[in-house]
Amino acid sequence: MKDDGDFGPITEKAVKAFQKKFGLKNDGKVGDYTLATITFGKKLPEMKVGDYTAKGKIWSNHSEITGKIALNFKALAMEIDNLAKDIRSSSEGAHDATVLNADNYQYIAGFAKSITSLQKDFISELIKNPKKAEQLAKRCEEIERELKSVGNARIVPASRYHSSVITSLQRSIDYTFGRAKNVLKGLEKFSNSSYSD
């Protein structure tokens, strides 16, 4: 058949077949994604890592909260000086773990920032340079795996430690210490959160 330069029914049918084959919107129009697929020569890469913008904000907030809890725990240790040595020791240990977890959340928030940046690049490159977009998607997956590894290795054990300290302190601290109760409630609530929220 001779090329007449006209986008007629035969061409539209061929475009729709191409779009169907590569999982594109089957509208028969040669838009940006269809052109990118033609250029790329195969199905466009997919971003399998979810949006980390919100998680990064949550983790930054967790870092701030744990920092405040750490300061409160230090003050609590001074206020309950008359309690048994093991209670004081648990309080200081919880403080140290809380400070460490504040740093850990800040550390994994950096991963989220990296992923967010790469995801923005992915969106802009998906049509212009799908090959680069594919590399960006893979890099996001690598960073996510590293983030989960760090979270499981650092944050989960510290959170478990917090829970055990809370239980010990709740059995030992006299309920007349209202400030101590407030610090524990805040720490208990935070200990139930997770880096994967």
Protein backbone atom coordinates (compact mmCIF):
# COMPACT_ATOMS: atom_id res chain seq x y z
CA MET A 1 0.00 0.00 0.00
CA LYS A 2 1.33 3.41 -0.94
CA ASP A 3 2.07 5.94 1.84
CA ASP A 4 -0.23 8.89 1.22
CA GLY A 5 0.78 10.86 4.34
CA ASP A 6 -2.80 10.77 5.58
CA PHE A 7 -3.71 9.51 9.09
CA GLY A 8 -6.74 7.51 8.09
CA PRO A 9 -8.65 4.51 9.46
CA ILE A 10 -5.93 2.00 8.52
CA THR A 11 -3.25 3.98 10.35
CA GLU A 12 -5.55 4.50 13.35
CA LYS A 13 -6.25 0.75 13.50
CA ALA A 14 -2.50 0.01 13.40
CA VAL A 15 -1.84 2.55 16.18
CA LYS A 16 -4.58 1.01 18.34
CA ALA A 17 -3.12 -2.46 17.84
CA PHE A 18 0.33 -1.14 18.82
CA GLN A 19 -1.11 0.59 21.92
CA LYS A 20 -2.95 -2.54 22.98
CA LYS A 21 0.19 -4.66 22.58
CA PHE A 22 2.23 -2.34 24.82
CA GLY A 23 -0.46 -1.63 27.42
CA LEU A 24 -1.01 1.99 26.44
CA LYS A 25 -4.27 3.97 26.40
CA ASN A 26 -5.98 2.50 23.37
CA ASP A 27 -7.23 5.74 21.74
CA GLY A 28 -5.57 5.48 18.30
CA LYS A 29 -3.74 8.79 18.85
CA VAL A 30 0.03 9.01 18.63
CA GLY A 31 0.62 10.92 21.87
CA ASP A 32 3.70 11.30 24.03
CA TYR A 33 3.56 7.81 25.59
CA THR A 34 2.95 6.11 22.26
CA LEU A 35 5.86 8.01 20.68
CA ALA A 36 8.08 7.20 23.66
CA THR A 37 7.21 3.50 23.35
CA ILE A 38 7.97 3.52 19.64
CA THR A 39 11.33 5.18 20.35
CA PHE A 40 12.11 2.86 23.26
CA GLY A 41 11.18 -0.20 21.25
CA LYS A 42 9.45 -1.99 24.11
CA LYS A 43 6.95 -1.40 26.90
CA LEU A 44 7.81 1.74 28.90
CA PRO A 45 9.36 1.08 32.33
CA GLU A 46 7.14 1.24 35.39
CA MET A 47 7.87 2.90 38.72
CA LYS A 48 7.28 0.10 41.25
CA VAL A 49 8.39 2.08 44.30
CA GLY A 50 5.57 4.08 45.89
CA ASP A 51 5.72 7.83 46.48
CA TYR A 52 8.00 8.54 49.46
CA THR A 53 7.12 12.21 49.86
CA ALA A 54 4.61 11.60 52.65
CA LYS A 55 6.76 8.93 54.36
CA GLY A 56 9.76 11.27 54.35
CA LYS A 57 7.66 13.90 56.16
CA ILE A 58 6.41 11.30 58.67
CA TRP A 59 9.95 10.08 59.38
CA SER A 60 11.25 13.63 59.78
CA ASN A 61 8.43 14.23 62.23
CA HIS A 62 9.29 11.00 64.06
CA SER A 63 12.87 12.23 64.35
CA GLU A 64 11.68 15.47 65.95
CA ILE A 65 9.30 13.63 68.30
CA THR A 66 11.95 11.13 69.39
CA GLY A 67 14.37 13.99 70.02
CA LYS A 68 11.82 15.63 72.33
CA ILE A 69 11.11 12.33 74.04
CA ALA A 70 14.85 11.87 74.58
CA LEU A 71 15.05 15.24 76.34
CA ASN A 72 12.02 14.36 78.47
CA PHE A 73 13.56 11.04 79.40
CA LYS A 74 16.70 12.77 80.63
CA ALA A 75 14.57 15.09 82.76
CA LEU A 76 12.56 12.11 83.98
CA ALA A 77 15.76 10.37 85.08
CA MET A 78 16.58 13.36 87.32
CA GLU A 79 13.03 13.57 88.73
CA ILE A 80 12.86 9.90 89.71
CA ASP A 81 16.24 9.84 91.37
CA ASN A 82 14.71 8.34 94.50
CA LEU A 83 13.56 5.21 92.60
CA ALA A 84 15.54 2.04 92.46
CA LYS A 85 18.82 1.92 90.52
CA ASP A 86 17.42 -0.46 87.88
CA ILE A 87 14.60 2.02 87.07
CA ARG A 88 17.10 4.85 86.65
CA SER A 89 19.25 2.62 84.48
CA SER A 90 16.27 1.69 82.27
CA SER A 91 15.35 5.33 81.89
CA GLU A 92 18.85 6.29 80.73
CA GLY A 93 18.96 3.33 78.40
CA ALA A 94 15.63 4.35 76.88
CA HIS A 95 16.95 7.89 76.48
CA ASP A 96 20.01 6.64 74.58
CA ALA A 97 17.89 4.37 72.37
CA THR A 98 15.49 7.24 71.67
CA VAL A 99 18.32 9.56 70.64
CA LEU A 100 19.65 6.81 68.40
CA ASN A 101 16.23 6.28 66.83
CA ALA A 102 15.88 10.02 66.21
CA ASP A 103 19.08 9.78 64.16
CA ASN A 104 17.86 6.57 62.50
CA TYR A 105 14.59 8.18 61.37
CA GLN A 106 16.51 11.19 60.07
CA TYR A 107 18.82 8.79 58.24
CA ILE A 108 15.98 6.92 56.51
CA ALA A 109 14.22 10.23 55.80
CA GLY A 110 17.31 10.95 53.65
CA PHE A 111 16.54 7.79 51.67
CA ALA A 112 13.00 9.07 51.12
CA LYS A 113 14.40 12.39 49.90
CA SER A 114 16.66 10.57 47.44
CA ILE A 115 13.79 8.43 46.16
CA THR A 116 11.52 11.48 45.83
CA SER A 117 14.16 13.30 43.78
CA LEU A 118 14.71 10.28 41.53
CA GLN A 119 10.97 9.85 41.09
CA LYS A 120 10.66 13.45 39.90
CA ASP A 121 13.46 12.78 37.42
CA PHE A 122 11.71 9.54 36.39
CA ILE A 123 8.52 11.42 35.54
CA SER A 124 10.35 13.99 33.41
CA GLU A 125 12.52 11.34 31.71
CA LEU A 126 9.75 8.79 31.07
CA ILE A 127 8.72 10.43 27.81
CA LYS A 128 12.03 12.03 26.82
CA ASN A 129 14.36 9.17 27.63
CA PRO A 130 12.65 5.93 28.73
CA LYS A 131 15.99 4.13 29.03
CA LYS A 132 17.13 6.64 31.63
CA ALA A 133 13.69 6.41 33.28
CA GLU A 134 14.16 2.64 33.51
CA GLN A 135 17.52 3.16 35.26
CA LEU A 136 15.95 5.66 37.66
CA ALA A 137 13.16 3.19 38.54
CA LYS A 138 15.73 0.47 39.24
CA ARG A 139 17.77 2.86 41.39
CA CYS A 140 14.64 3.69 43.41
CA GLU A 141 14.10 -0.03 44.00
CA GLU A 142 17.72 -0.40 45.19
CA ILE A 143 17.38 2.54 47.58
CA GLU A 144 14.09 1.17 48.91
CA ARG A 145 15.73 -2.21 49.63
CA GLU A 146 18.56 -0.44 51.47
CA LEU A 147 16.05 1.68 53.41
CA LYS A 148 14.13 -1.41 54.54
CA SER A 149 17.36 -3.11 55.54
CA VAL A 150 18.41 -0.13 57.65
CA GLY A 151 14.93 0.15 59.18
CA ASN A 152 14.80 -3.52 60.12
CA ALA A 153 18.35 -3.53 61.46
CA ARG A 154 18.21 -0.29 63.45
CA ILE A 155 14.70 1.00 64.08
CA VAL A 156 12.82 -2.23 64.81
CA PRO A 157 15.19 -3.41 67.61
CA ALA A 158 15.23 0.05 69.19
CA SER A 159 11.42 0.18 69.08
CA ARG A 160 11.24 -3.25 70.75
CA TYR A 161 13.66 -2.02 73.39
CA HIS A 162 11.44 1.01 73.98
CA SER A 163 8.46 -1.29 74.56
CA SER A 164 10.32 -3.40 77.13
CA VAL A 165 11.57 -0.29 78.94
CA ILE A 166 8.06 1.16 79.03
CA THR A 167 6.70 -2.03 80.58
CA SER A 168 9.43 -2.04 83.23
CA LEU A 169 8.96 1.65 84.05
CA GLN A 170 5.18 1.39 84.21
CA ARG A 171 5.45 -1.36 86.88
CA SER A 172 7.99 0.63 88.92
CA ILE A 173 7.17 4.33 88.77
CA ASP A 174 4.83 5.69 91.41
CA TYR A 175 1.70 7.08 89.73
CA THR A 176 2.04 10.27 91.75
CA PHE A 177 4.72 11.32 89.25
CA GLY A 178 2.38 12.91 86.71
CA ARG A 179 5.22 14.06 84.49
CA ALA A 180 6.64 10.55 84.35
CA LYS A 181 3.25 9.20 83.27
CA ASN A 182 3.02 11.78 80.45
CA VAL A 183 6.50 10.95 79.15
CA LEU A 184 5.69 7.25 79.16
CA LYS A 185 2.39 7.76 77.33
CA GLY A 186 4.17 9.73 74.62
CA LEU A 187 6.90 7.12 74.32
CA GLU A 188 4.40 4.25 74.33
CA LYS A 189 2.38 5.86 71.54
CA PHE A 190 5.50 6.48 69.47
CA SER A 191 6.83 2.95 70.02
CA ASN A 192 3.77 1.57 68.26
CA SER A 193 4.66 3.44 65.07
CA SER A 194 6.93 1.94 62.46
CA TYR A 195 9.42 3.16 59.90
CA SER A 196 7.26 1.42 57.28
CA ASP A 197 4.12 3.47 58.11
